[in-house]
Protein backbone atom coordinates (compact mmCIF):
# COMPACT_ATOMS: atom_id res chain seq x y z
CA UNK A 1 -26.71 -36.18 28.36
CA UNK A 2 -27.03 -33.52 26.12
CA UNK A 3 -26.47 -29.64 26.61
CA UNK A 4 -28.03 -27.83 24.39
CA UNK A 5 -29.83 -23.87 23.64
CA UNK A 6 -33.48 -22.54 24.50
CA UNK A 7 -35.36 -23.10 22.29
CA UNK A 8 -37.54 -19.86 21.91
CA UNK A 9 -34.18 -18.39 19.99
CA UNK A 10 -34.57 -17.92 16.40
CA UNK A 11 -30.60 -18.03 15.03
CA UNK A 12 -28.74 -22.08 15.28
CA UNK A 13 -26.98 -22.47 18.22
CA UNK A 14 -24.58 -24.95 18.91
CA UNK A 15 -24.69 -28.08 21.28
CA UNK A 16 -22.92 -30.35 22.53
CA UNK A 17 -23.08 -34.34 22.75
CA UNK A 18 -21.81 -36.68 24.73
CA UNK A 19 -21.22 -39.32 23.60
CA UNK A 20 -22.25 -42.81 25.64
CA UNK A 21 -22.92 -41.09 29.09
CA UNK A 22 -18.78 -41.24 28.29
CA UNK A 23 -17.38 -38.08 31.00
CA UNK A 24 -14.10 -37.75 27.90
CA UNK A 25 -13.63 -34.13 26.91
CA UNK A 26 -12.14 -35.35 24.30
CA UNK A 27 -15.43 -37.40 23.55
CA UNK A 28 -17.65 -34.46 22.01
CA UNK A 29 -18.80 -33.90 18.47
CA UNK A 30 -20.63 -31.52 16.55
CA UNK A 31 -23.14 -30.86 14.35
CA UNK A 32 -21.69 -31.82 10.28
CA UNK A 33 -21.64 -28.42 9.37
CA UNK A 34 -19.55 -26.82 11.82
CA UNK A 35 -17.28 -29.26 12.03
CA UNK A 36 -13.42 -29.14 11.00
CA UNK A 37 -12.06 -30.35 8.64
CA UNK A 38 -9.83 -33.56 8.90
CA UNK A 39 -5.84 -32.20 9.97
CA UNK A 40 -3.84 -33.52 6.74
CA UNK A 41 -0.12 -34.63 6.60
CA UNK A 42 2.06 -32.08 4.76
CA UNK A 43 2.81 -34.98 1.83
CA UNK A 44 -1.10 -34.31 1.61
CA UNK A 45 -1.30 -31.42 1.58
CA UNK A 46 1.38 -31.30 -1.61
CA UNK A 47 -0.40 -32.85 -3.64
CA UNK A 48 -4.10 -31.23 -3.13
CA UNK A 49 -2.02 -27.90 -3.47
CA UNK A 50 -0.70 -29.98 -6.64
CA UNK A 51 -4.30 -30.25 -8.47
CA UNK A 52 -5.45 -27.92 -10.78
CA UNK A 53 -7.22 -24.04 -9.11
CA UNK A 54 -10.47 -24.69 -11.17
CA UNK A 55 -11.54 -28.14 -10.41
CA UNK A 56 -11.40 -27.32 -6.40
CA UNK A 57 -12.70 -22.92 -6.47
CA UNK A 58 -15.11 -24.37 -9.41
CA UNK A 59 -16.62 -20.47 -9.51
CA UNK A 60 -13.50 -18.54 -9.96
CA UNK A 61 -14.58 -17.38 -13.41
CA UNK A 62 -11.28 -17.79 -16.20
CA UNK A 63 -8.68 -15.67 -17.62
CA UNK A 64 -10.68 -16.03 -20.90
CA UNK A 65 -14.45 -14.41 -19.71
CA UNK A 66 -12.96 -11.42 -20.78
CA UNK A 67 -13.36 -9.29 -17.14
CA UNK A 68 -10.65 -7.28 -17.67
CA UNK A 69 -8.71 -8.81 -14.09
CA UNK A 70 -5.47 -11.04 -14.44
CA UNK A 71 -5.36 -14.34 -12.84
CA UNK A 72 -3.18 -14.72 -9.92
CA UNK A 73 -0.76 -17.17 -11.88
CA UNK A 74 -1.13 -14.29 -14.93
CA UNK A 75 0.29 -11.32 -12.72
CA UNK A 76 4.56 -12.43 -13.01
CA UNK A 77 4.05 -13.83 -16.74
CA UNK A 78 2.73 -9.53 -17.31
CA UNK A 79 4.36 -7.97 -15.07
CA UNK A 80 6.34 -6.10 -17.36
CA UNK A 81 3.72 -5.02 -18.89
CA UNK A 82 1.83 -3.06 -16.18
CA UNK A 83 5.24 -1.51 -15.47
CA UNK A 84 6.62 1.15 -16.88
CA UNK A 85 10.09 -0.21 -18.16
CA UNK A 86 11.23 3.21 -17.68
CA UNK A 87 11.26 6.39 -14.69
CA UNK A 88 12.31 9.59 -13.16
CA UNK A 89 11.39 10.32 -9.68
CA UNK A 90 11.94 13.61 -8.97
CA UNK A 91 11.65 14.98 -5.61
CA UNK A 92 11.47 18.41 -4.87
CA UNK A 93 12.45 20.55 -1.05
CA UNK A 94 11.89 23.86 -0.16
CA UNK A 95 10.99 26.28 2.89
CA UNK A 96 8.83 29.29 0.62
CA UNK A 97 5.96 27.78 -1.96
CA UNK A 98 5.51 29.65 -4.12
CA UNK A 99 9.37 29.18 -4.95
CA UNK A 100 8.84 24.80 -5.31
CA UNK A 101 5.23 25.33 -6.81
CA UNK A 102 7.25 27.64 -10.08
CA UNK A 103 10.01 25.28 -10.05
CA UNK A 104 7.31 22.79 -10.54
CA UNK A 105 6.48 24.21 -12.95
CA UNK A 106 9.01 24.02 -15.26
CA UNK A 107 9.66 21.34 -14.12
CA UNK A 108 6.11 19.67 -16.11
CA UNK A 109 6.33 22.29 -19.20
CA UNK A 110 10.41 21.24 -19.92
CA UNK A 111 8.50 17.40 -20.32
CA UNK A 112 6.06 18.32 -22.11
CA UNK A 113 8.07 19.95 -23.96
CA UNK A 114 8.99 16.25 -25.18
CA UNK A 115 5.84 14.19 -24.88
CA UNK A 116 6.65 12.32 -21.29
CA UNK A 117 4.11 11.69 -19.34
CA UNK A 118 4.34 13.50 -15.75
CA UNK A 119 2.38 12.49 -12.78
CA UNK A 120 1.90 15.21 -9.83
CA UNK A 121 2.95 17.61 -8.29
CA UNK A 122 2.43 15.13 -5.31
CA UNK A 123 2.26 17.49 -2.23
CA UNK A 124 3.69 15.40 0.21
CA UNK A 125 2.94 16.28 3.96
CA UNK A 126 5.12 19.06 5.22
CA UNK A 127 7.62 18.58 7.38
CA UNK A 128 8.00 20.99 10.29
CA UNK A 129 10.52 21.51 12.92
CA UNK A 130 10.42 23.58 16.19
CA UNK A 131 13.57 25.28 18.63
CA UNK A 132 12.42 25.77 21.71
CA UNK A 133 14.94 29.15 23.29
CA UNK A 134 15.40 30.07 26.52
CA UNK A 135 14.36 33.73 26.78
CA UNK A 136 16.46 34.43 30.35
CA UNK A 137 18.35 31.85 31.26
CA UNK A 138 18.13 32.77 34.65
CA UNK A 139 15.01 33.88 37.03
CA UNK A 140 12.26 33.92 33.68
CA UNK A 141 13.08 30.24 33.57
CA UNK A 142 9.34 29.73 31.86
CA UNK A 143 9.63 32.46 29.31
CA UNK A 144 10.89 30.50 26.51
CA UNK A 145 10.11 31.47 22.79
CA UNK A 146 9.73 29.26 19.96
CA UNK A 147 10.95 29.14 15.96
CA UNK A 148 9.53 26.93 13.37
CA UNK A 149 10.96 26.08 9.93
CA UNK A 150 8.29 24.33 7.49
CA UNK A 151 9.82 21.92 5.25
CA UNK A 152 7.66 21.72 2.12
CA UNK A 153 8.07 18.87 -0.35
CA UNK A 154 6.93 18.14 -3.76
CA UNK A 155 6.78 14.94 -6.00
CA UNK A 156 6.36 14.39 -10.24
CA UNK A 157 7.27 12.01 -11.62
CA UNK A 158 8.35 11.32 -15.55
CA UNK A 159 6.56 8.49 -17.12
CA UNK A 160 8.25 7.29 -20.88
CA UNK A 161 11.78 9.80 -20.74
CA UNK A 162 13.38 10.57 -24.32
CA UNK A 163 16.80 11.67 -23.78
CA UNK A 164 15.05 14.35 -25.23
CA UNK A 165 13.96 14.83 -21.75
CA UNK A 166 16.77 14.20 -19.66
CA UNK A 167 18.34 17.13 -22.11
CA UNK A 168 15.78 20.01 -21.53
CA UNK A 169 16.15 18.53 -17.68
CA UNK A 170 19.54 19.12 -16.87
CA UNK A 171 19.02 22.56 -19.00
CA UNK A 172 16.56 23.96 -16.50
CA UNK A 173 16.58 27.32 -14.16
CA UNK A 174 15.42 26.10 -10.70
CA UNK A 175 15.41 28.74 -8.18
CA UNK A 176 18.39 28.65 -5.22
CA UNK A 177 16.48 27.96 -2.23
CA UNK A 178 14.42 24.73 -3.91
CA UNK A 179 16.40 21.38 -3.31
CA UNK A 180 16.08 18.68 -5.68
CA UNK A 181 16.35 14.67 -5.63
CA UNK A 182 16.39 12.51 -8.48
CA UNK A 183 16.72 8.81 -9.18
CA UNK A 184 16.15 6.63 -12.03
């Protein structure tokens, strides 16, 4: 007994065949391209993964072909070259945008004079804190005031800082309305 799809469809669909009239559902067989590979034991899977990757995937380009993309096995070897050895991350917070923009300009100027590479300022999402205050405590409880405080944030990264860069950043006079957080 065979279960199949209609012959008028253009797409090849799965057809199930029962083995010699056996009503056992475990005896169903699939066509060879759709058949799952047999399950292997852990020891066999470990032996197969120990085989070289070039034999299992023949179309994979080699590192020496000049693709410019490092292979996954080589990322751990040259990982130190991909990321800088040291960077300074400066996070600025302020309630007033002109103050924070002025502070960003001062920090970037100080870093550029010492030939350090800067990235930023990157505007981070503005945080809004809304406070709801009752207008009248008794009769008019539905009458309320809403006050909000917006905290603007900027992020600046300084790559490859030198001792002169750190000294020039320490000498900066930033306004009192700007919160500065420095991470090395």
